[in-house]
PDB file of N, CA and C in Angstrom:
ATOM      1  N   MET A   1      44.609  63.411  -0.799  1.00  0.00           N
ATOM      2  CA  MET A   1      43.281  63.476  -0.250  1.00  0.00           C
ATOM      3  C   MET A   1      42.613  62.111  -0.398  1.00  0.00           C
ATOM      4  N   GLU A   2      41.964  61.678   0.637  1.00  0.00           N
ATOM      5  CA  GLU A   2      41.316  60.376   0.614  1.00  0.00           C
ATOM      6  C   GLU A   2      39.814  60.561   0.403  1.00  0.00           C
ATOM      7  N   TRP A   3      39.259  59.807  -0.546  1.00  0.00           N
ATOM      8  CA  TRP A   3      37.832  59.893  -0.845  1.00  0.00           C
ATOM      9  C   TRP A   3      37.048  59.054   0.154  1.00  0.00           C
ATOM     10  N   PRO A   4      35.878  59.568   0.559  1.00  0.00           N
ATOM     11  CA  PRO A   4      35.057  58.764   1.470  1.00  0.00           C
ATOM     12  C   PRO A   4      34.585  57.495   0.772  1.00  0.00           C
ATOM     13  N   THR A   5      34.521  56.434   1.512  1.00  0.00           N
ATOM     14  CA  THR A   5      34.099  55.163   0.933  1.00  0.00           C
ATOM     15  C   THR A   5      32.713  54.813   1.437  1.00  0.00           C
ATOM     16  N   ARG A   6      32.011  54.052   0.631  1.00  0.00           N
ATOM     17  CA  ARG A   6      30.685  53.586   1.035  1.00  0.00           C
ATOM     18  C   ARG A   6      30.821  52.400   1.952  1.00  0.00           C
ATOM     19  N   ARG A   7      30.010  52.402   2.975  1.00  0.00           N
ATOM     20  CA  ARG A   7      29.999  51.295   3.901  1.00  0.00           C
ATOM     21  C   ARG A   7      29.166  50.174   3.293  1.00  0.00           C
ATOM     22  N   LYS A   8      29.682  48.979   3.314  1.00  0.00           N
ATOM     23  CA  LYS A   8      28.975  47.821   2.786  1.00  0.00           C
ATOM     24  C   LYS A   8      27.875  47.426   3.758  1.00  0.00           C
ATOM     25  N   PRO A   9      26.618  47.242   3.250  1.00  0.00           N
ATOM     26  CA  PRO A   9      25.535  46.862   4.165  1.00  0.00           C
ATOM     27  C   PRO A   9      25.769  45.509   4.796  1.00  0.00           C
ATOM     28  N   ALA A  10      25.265  45.363   5.995  1.00  0.00           N
ATOM     29  CA  ALA A  10      25.414  44.092   6.718  1.00  0.00           C
ATOM     30  C   ALA A  10      24.641  42.997   6.000  1.00  0.00           C
ATOM     31  N   GLU A  11      25.148  41.807   6.064  1.00  0.00           N
ATOM     32  CA  GLU A  11      24.507  40.647   5.439  1.00  0.00           C
ATOM     33  C   GLU A  11      23.101  40.475   6.005  1.00  0.00           C
ATOM     34  N   GLY A  12      22.114  40.313   5.115  1.00  0.00           N
ATOM     35  CA  GLY A  12      20.738  40.089   5.540  1.00  0.00           C
ATOM     36  C   GLY A  12      20.022  41.330   6.020  1.00  0.00           C
ATOM     37  N   SER A  13      20.602  42.502   5.788  1.00  0.00           N
ATOM     38  CA  SER A  13      19.970  43.731   6.270  1.00  0.00           C
ATOM     39  C   SER A  13      18.840  44.199   5.371  1.00  0.00           C
ATOM     40  N   GLY A  14      18.741  43.623   4.160  1.00  0.00           N
ATOM     41  CA  GLY A  14      17.686  44.041   3.250  1.00  0.00           C
ATOM     42  C   GLY A  14      18.014  45.315   2.504  1.00  0.00           C
ATOM     43  N   GLN A  15      19.274  45.757   2.589  1.00  0.00           N
ATOM     44  CA  GLN A  15      19.639  47.001   1.944  1.00  0.00           C
ATOM     45  C   GLN A  15      20.775  46.828   0.951  1.00  0.00           C
ATOM     46  N   GLY A  16      20.980  45.651   0.480  1.00  0.00           N
ATOM     47  CA  GLY A  16      22.057  45.401  -0.466  1.00  0.00           C
ATOM     48  C   GLY A  16      21.724  45.889  -1.866  1.00  0.00           C
ATOM     49  N   HIS A  17      22.714  45.957  -2.716  1.00  0.00           N
ATOM     50  CA  HIS A  17      22.547  46.448  -4.080  1.00  0.00           C
ATOM     51  C   HIS A  17      21.596  45.565  -4.884  1.00  0.00           C
ATOM     52  N   HIS A  18      21.678  44.270  -4.726  1.00  0.00           N
ATOM     53  CA  HIS A  18      20.854  43.365  -5.519  1.00  0.00           C
ATOM     54  C   HIS A  18      19.582  42.925  -4.804  1.00  0.00           C
ATOM     55  N   GLY A  19      19.486  43.192  -3.506  1.00  0.00           N
ATOM     56  CA  GLY A  19      18.292  42.802  -2.756  1.00  0.00           C
ATOM     57  C   GLY A  19      17.261  43.913  -2.768  1.00  0.00           C
ATOM     58  N   LYS A  20      16.121  43.639  -2.171  1.00  0.00           N
ATOM     59  CA  LYS A  20      15.092  44.664  -2.080  1.00  0.00           C
ATOM     60  C   LYS A  20      15.528  45.705  -1.071  1.00  0.00           C
ATOM     61  N   GLU A  21      15.343  46.961  -1.415  1.00  0.00           N
ATOM     62  CA  GLU A  21      15.708  48.042  -0.522  1.00  0.00           C
ATOM     63  C   GLU A  21      14.523  48.426   0.336  1.00  0.00           C
ATOM     64  N   ARG A  22      14.787  48.827   1.536  1.00  0.00           N
ATOM     65  CA  ARG A  22      13.728  49.308   2.409  1.00  0.00           C
ATOM     66  C   ARG A  22      13.389  50.730   1.992  1.00  0.00           C
ATOM     67  N   SER A  23      12.110  51.065   1.996  1.00  0.00           N
ATOM     68  CA  SER A  23      11.697  52.383   1.526  1.00  0.00           C
ATOM     69  C   SER A  23      11.242  53.294   2.663  1.00  0.00           C
ATOM     70  N   VAL A  24      11.715  53.064   3.853  1.00  0.00           N
ATOM     71  CA  VAL A  24      11.338  53.886   4.988  1.00  0.00           C
ATOM     72  C   VAL A  24      12.090  55.206   4.909  1.00  0.00           C
ATOM     73  N   GLY A  25      11.352  56.302   4.816  1.00  0.00           N
ATOM     74  CA  GLY A  25      11.966  57.619   4.843  1.00  0.00           C
ATOM     75  C   GLY A  25      12.713  58.024   3.593  1.00  0.00           C
ATOM     76  N   CYS A  26      12.467  57.378   2.463  1.00  0.00           N
ATOM     77  CA  CYS A  26      13.148  57.801   1.251  1.00  0.00           C
ATOM     78  C   CYS A  26      12.189  57.788   0.072  1.00  0.00           C
ATOM     79  N   PHE A  27      12.485  58.596  -0.921  1.00  0.00           N
ATOM     80  CA  PHE A  27      11.639  58.690  -2.110  1.00  0.00           C
ATOM     81  C   PHE A  27      11.893  57.497  -3.016  1.00  0.00           C
ATOM     82  N   ARG A  28      10.821  56.941  -3.547  1.00  0.00           N
ATOM     83  CA  ARG A  28      10.930  55.810  -4.469  1.00  0.00           C
ATOM     84  C   ARG A  28      10.094  56.111  -5.695  1.00  0.00           C
ATOM     85  N   MET A  29      10.713  56.216  -6.842  1.00  0.00           N
ATOM     86  CA  MET A  29      10.002  56.541  -8.072  1.00  0.00           C
ATOM     87  C   MET A  29       9.374  55.297  -8.667  1.00  0.00           C
ATOM     88  N   PRO A  30       8.038  55.273  -8.773  1.00  0.00           N
ATOM     89  CA  PRO A  30       7.372  54.134  -9.411  1.00  0.00           C
ATOM     90  C   PRO A  30       7.734  54.038 -10.885  1.00  0.00           C
ATOM     91  N   LEU A  31       7.531  52.886 -11.462  1.00  0.00           N
ATOM     92  CA  LEU A  31       7.902  52.666 -12.854  1.00  0.00           C
ATOM     93  C   LEU A  31       6.973  53.349 -13.844  1.00  0.00           C
ATOM     94  N   HIS A  32       5.706  53.493 -13.479  1.00  0.00           N
ATOM     95  CA  HIS A  32       4.733  54.047 -14.420  1.00  0.00           C
ATOM     96  C   HIS A  32       4.071  55.294 -13.856  1.00  0.00           C
ATOM     97  N   TYR A  33       3.794  56.231 -14.754  1.00  0.00           N
ATOM     98  CA  TYR A  33       3.070  57.436 -14.387  1.00  0.00           C
ATOM     99  C   TYR A  33       1.587  57.091 -14.338  1.00  0.00           C
ATOM    100  N   PRO A  34       0.819  57.583 -13.352  1.00  0.00           N
ATOM    101  CA  PRO A  34      -0.598  57.226 -13.270  1.00  0.00           C
ATOM    102  C   PRO A  34      -1.360  57.697 -14.518  1.00  0.00           C
ATOM    103  N   SER A  35      -2.288  56.891 -14.985  1.00  0.00           N
ATOM    104  CA  SER A  35      -3.043  57.229 -16.192  1.00  0.00           C
ATOM    105  C   SER A  35      -4.535  57.350 -15.907  1.00  0.00           C
ATOM    106  N   TYR A  36      -4.860  57.933 -14.751  1.00  0.00           N
ATOM    107  CA  TYR A  36      -6.248  58.123 -14.390  1.00  0.00           C
ATOM    108  C   TYR A  36      -6.810  59.376 -15.057  1.00  0.00           C
ATOM    109  N   THR A  37      -8.116  59.382 -15.286  1.00  0.00           N
ATOM    110  CA  THR A  37      -8.790  60.563 -15.846  1.00  0.00           C
ATOM    111  C   THR A  37      -9.301  61.423 -14.690  1.00  0.00           C
ATOM    112  N   LYS A  38      -9.770  62.616 -15.032  1.00  0.00           N
ATOM    113  CA  LYS A  38     -10.330  63.497 -14.015  1.00  0.00           C
ATOM    114  C   LYS A  38     -11.513  62.812 -13.332  1.00  0.00           C
ATOM    115  N   ALA A  39     -12.344  62.125 -14.106  1.00  0.00           N
ATOM    116  CA  ALA A  39     -13.498  61.409 -13.543  1.00  0.00           C
ATOM    117  C   ALA A  39     -13.035  60.321 -12.569  1.00  0.00           C
ATOM    118  N   ASP A  40     -11.924  59.651 -12.884  1.00  0.00           N
ATOM    119  CA  ASP A  40     -11.381  58.623 -11.992  1.00  0.00           C
ATOM    120  C   ASP A  40     -10.999  59.231 -10.640  1.00  0.00           C
ATOM    121  N   TYR A  41     -10.292  60.375 -10.685  1.00  0.00           N
ATOM    122  CA  TYR A  41      -9.881  61.028  -9.442  1.00  0.00           C
ATOM    123  C   TYR A  41     -11.083  61.510  -8.637  1.00  0.00           C
ATOM    124  N   GLU A  42     -12.113  62.004  -9.319  1.00  0.00           N
ATOM    125  CA  GLU A  42     -13.289  62.540  -8.637  1.00  0.00           C
ATOM    126  C   GLU A  42     -14.092  61.459  -7.914  1.00  0.00           C
ATOM    127  N   THR A  43     -13.970  60.221  -8.349  1.00  0.00           N
ATOM    128  CA  THR A  43     -14.710  59.126  -7.711  1.00  0.00           C
ATOM    129  C   THR A  43     -13.809  58.153  -6.955  1.00  0.00           C
ATOM    130  N   MET A  44     -12.521  58.394  -6.968  1.00  0.00           N
ATOM    131  CA  MET A  44     -11.551  57.498  -6.327  1.00  0.00           C
ATOM    132  C   MET A  44     -11.753  57.501  -4.813  1.00  0.00           C
ATOM    133  N   PRO A  45     -11.776  56.323  -4.189  1.00  0.00           N
ATOM    134  CA  PRO A  45     -11.913  56.280  -2.728  1.00  0.00           C
ATOM    135  C   PRO A  45     -10.666  56.848  -2.038  1.00  0.00           C
ATOM    136  N   GLU A  46     -10.861  57.317  -0.828  1.00  0.00           N
ATOM    137  CA  GLU A  46      -9.777  57.985  -0.109  1.00  0.00           C
ATOM    138  C   GLU A  46      -8.555  57.091   0.076  1.00  0.00           C
ATOM    139  N   TRP A  47      -8.760  55.812   0.369  1.00  0.00           N
ATOM    140  CA  TRP A  47      -7.610  54.923   0.582  1.00  0.00           C
ATOM    141  C   TRP A  47      -6.754  54.824  -0.675  1.00  0.00           C
ATOM    142  N   ARG A  48      -7.400  54.869  -1.851  1.00  0.00           N
ATOM    143  CA  ARG A  48      -6.643  54.763  -3.106  1.00  0.00           C
ATOM    144  C   ARG A  48      -5.871  56.045  -3.394  1.00  0.00           C
ATOM    145  N   VAL A  49      -6.500  57.189  -3.110  1.00  0.00           N
ATOM    146  CA  VAL A  49      -5.805  58.474  -3.285  1.00  0.00           C
ATOM    147  C   VAL A  49      -4.588  58.517  -2.368  1.00  0.00           C
ATOM    148  N   ASP A  50      -4.777  58.084  -1.111  1.00  0.00           N
ATOM    149  CA  ASP A  50      -3.664  58.052  -0.154  1.00  0.00           C
ATOM    150  C   ASP A  50      -2.528  57.168  -0.660  1.00  0.00           C
ATOM    151  N   CYS A  51      -2.864  55.989  -1.146  1.00  0.00           N
ATOM    152  CA  CYS A  51      -1.840  55.058  -1.655  1.00  0.00           C
ATOM    153  C   CYS A  51      -1.093  55.660  -2.838  1.00  0.00           C
ATOM    154  N   LEU A  52      -1.824  56.288  -3.736  1.00  0.00           N
ATOM    155  CA  LEU A  52      -1.213  56.886  -4.926  1.00  0.00           C
ATOM    156  C   LEU A  52      -0.246  58.000  -4.539  1.00  0.00           C
ATOM    157  N   LEU A  53      -0.672  58.874  -3.643  1.00  0.00           N
ATOM    158  CA  LEU A  53       0.198  59.969  -3.217  1.00  0.00           C
ATOM    159  C   LEU A  53       1.431  59.441  -2.490  1.00  0.00           C
ATOM    160  N   ARG A  54       1.250  58.465  -1.615  1.00  0.00           N
ATOM    161  CA  ARG A  54       2.393  57.885  -0.892  1.00  0.00           C
ATOM    162  C   ARG A  54       3.374  57.204  -1.846  1.00  0.00           C
ATOM    163  N   GLU A  55       2.820  56.543  -2.864  1.00  0.00           N
ATOM    164  CA  GLU A  55       3.659  55.834  -3.829  1.00  0.00           C
ATOM    165  C   GLU A  55       4.641  56.783  -4.521  1.00  0.00           C
ATOM    166  N   TYR A  56       4.230  58.030  -4.702  1.00  0.00           N
ATOM    167  CA  TYR A  56       5.087  59.018  -5.351  1.00  0.00           C
ATOM    168  C   TYR A  56       5.787  59.933  -4.357  1.00  0.00           C
ATOM    169  N   GLY A  57       5.680  59.629  -3.068  1.00  0.00           N
ATOM    170  CA  GLY A  57       6.368  60.422  -2.057  1.00  0.00           C
ATOM    171  C   GLY A  57       5.756  61.794  -1.860  1.00  0.00           C
ATOM    172  N   LEU A  58       4.467  61.941  -2.166  1.00  0.00           N
ATOM    173  CA  LEU A  58       3.794  63.227  -2.035  1.00  0.00           C
ATOM    174  C   LEU A  58       3.047  63.294  -0.708  1.00  0.00           C
ATOM    175  N   PRO A  59       2.766  64.506  -0.235  1.00  0.00           N
ATOM    176  CA  PRO A  59       2.090  64.643   1.056  1.00  0.00           C
ATOM    177  C   PRO A  59       0.659  64.114   1.024  1.00  0.00           C
ATOM    178  N   VAL A  60       0.241  63.528   2.128  1.00  0.00           N
ATOM    179  CA  VAL A  60      -1.101  62.960   2.253  1.00  0.00           C
ATOM    180  C   VAL A  60      -1.796  63.673   3.409  1.00  0.00           C
ATOM    181  N   PHE A  61      -2.126  64.955   3.211  1.00  0.00           N
ATOM    182  CA  PHE A  61      -2.757  65.760   4.250  1.00  0.00           C
ATOM    183  C   PHE A  61      -4.056  66.339   3.724  1.00  0.00           C
ATOM    184  N   GLY A  62      -4.946  66.661   4.641  1.00  0.00           N
ATOM    185  CA  GLY A  62      -6.204  67.299   4.288  1.00  0.00           C
ATOM    186  C   GLY A  62      -7.337  66.303   4.175  1.00  0.00           C
ATOM    187  N   ASP A  63      -8.511  66.838   3.814  1.00  0.00           N
ATOM    188  CA  ASP A  63      -9.662  65.959   3.646  1.00  0.00           C
ATOM    189  C   ASP A  63      -9.634  65.352   2.246  1.00  0.00           C
ATOM    190  N   LEU A  64     -10.601  64.516   1.954  1.00  0.00           N
ATOM    191  CA  LEU A  64     -10.617  63.790   0.683  1.00  0.00           C
ATOM    192  C   LEU A  64     -10.655  64.742  -0.515  1.00  0.00           C
ATOM    193  N   ALA A  65     -11.454  65.797  -0.426  1.00  0.00           N
ATOM    194  CA  ALA A  65     -11.550  66.755  -1.541  1.00  0.00           C
ATOM    195  C   ALA A  65     -10.192  67.418  -1.810  1.00  0.00           C
ATOM    196  N   GLN A  66      -9.462  67.775  -0.760  1.00  0.00           N
ATOM    197  CA  GLN A  66      -8.147  68.396  -0.915  1.00  0.00           C
ATOM    198  C   GLN A  66      -7.138  67.418  -1.516  1.00  0.00           C
ATOM    199  N   LYS A  67      -7.194  66.169  -1.058  1.00  0.00           N
ATOM    200  CA  LYS A  67      -6.280  65.153  -1.589  1.00  0.00           C
ATOM    201  C   LYS A  67      -6.550  64.906  -3.069  1.00  0.00           C
ATOM    202  N   ARG A  68      -7.830  64.802  -3.434  1.00  0.00           N
ATOM    203  CA  ARG A  68      -8.179  64.591  -4.842  1.00  0.00           C
ATOM    204  C   ARG A  68      -7.709  65.762  -5.697  1.00  0.00           C
ATOM    205  N   GLU A  69      -7.936  66.980  -5.208  1.00  0.00           N
ATOM    206  CA  GLU A  69      -7.509  68.172  -5.943  1.00  0.00           C
ATOM    207  C   GLU A  69      -5.993  68.188  -6.126  1.00  0.00           C
ATOM    208  N   PHE A  70      -5.265  67.829  -5.072  1.00  0.00           N
ATOM    209  CA  PHE A  70      -3.807  67.786  -5.153  1.00  0.00           C
ATOM    210  C   PHE A  70      -3.347  66.738  -6.165  1.00  0.00           C
ATOM    211  N   ALA A  71      -3.961  65.554  -6.106  1.00  0.00           N
ATOM    212  CA  ALA A  71      -3.597  64.471  -7.041  1.00  0.00           C
ATOM    213  C   ALA A  71      -3.874  64.886  -8.478  1.00  0.00           C
ATOM    214  N   MET A  72      -5.018  65.523  -8.725  1.00  0.00           N
ATOM    215  CA  MET A  72      -5.326  65.968 -10.089  1.00  0.00           C
ATOM    216  C   MET A  72      -4.333  67.024 -10.550  1.00  0.00           C
ATOM    217  N   GLY A  73      -3.945  67.926  -9.658  1.00  0.00           N
ATOM    218  CA  GLY A  73      -2.959  68.943 -10.018  1.00  0.00           C
ATOM    219  C   GLY A  73      -1.588  68.351 -10.300  1.00  0.00           C
ATOM    220  N   ALA A  74      -1.258  67.282  -9.585  1.00  0.00           N
ATOM    221  CA  ALA A  74       0.060  66.658  -9.752  1.00  0.00           C
ATOM    222  C   ALA A  74       0.130  65.748 -10.969  1.00  0.00           C
ATOM    223  N   PHE A  75      -0.965  65.058 -11.280  1.00  0.00           N
ATOM    224  CA  PHE A  75      -0.886  63.998 -12.288  1.00  0.00           C
ATOM    225  C   PHE A  75      -1.641  64.258 -13.592  1.00  0.00           C
ATOM    226  N   LEU A  76      -2.587  65.203 -13.600  1.00  0.00           N
ATOM    227  CA  LEU A  76      -3.325  65.452 -14.849  1.00  0.00           C
ATOM    228  C   LEU A  76      -2.623  66.534 -15.650  1.00  0.00           C
ATOM    229  N   TRP A  77      -2.558  66.336 -16.942  1.00  0.00           N
ATOM    230  CA  TRP A  77      -1.938  67.291 -17.854  1.00  0.00           C
ATOM    231  C   TRP A  77      -3.044  67.993 -18.626  1.00  0.00           C
ATOM    232  N   THR A  78      -2.923  69.297 -18.774  1.00  0.00           N
ATOM    233  CA  THR A  78      -3.910  70.023 -19.581  1.00  0.00           C
ATOM    234  C   THR A  78      -3.628  69.763 -21.039  1.00  0.00           C
ATOM    235  N   ARG A  79      -4.685  69.659 -21.798  1.00  0.00           N
ATOM    236  CA  ARG A  79      -4.517  69.373 -23.234  1.00  0.00           C
ATOM    237  C   ARG A  79      -5.004  70.512 -24.060  1.00  0.00           C
TER     238      ARG A  79
END
């Protein structure tokens, strides 16, 4: 049985092992978990909430209140 082999990316394609990878259509885990407080999320501008959700590959739908609620549910831990 022959194992499938990985195709080597084309030179200069931006998708090599040591080069920067393109993040179109794929999940990319950021290095740090967000450390915002509930008050931060409640006053965060919409563009920042959108960026934060996109950074973690989460959906960016609804109005600002829905996005903030989703972000707080995803990132805040109950103590």
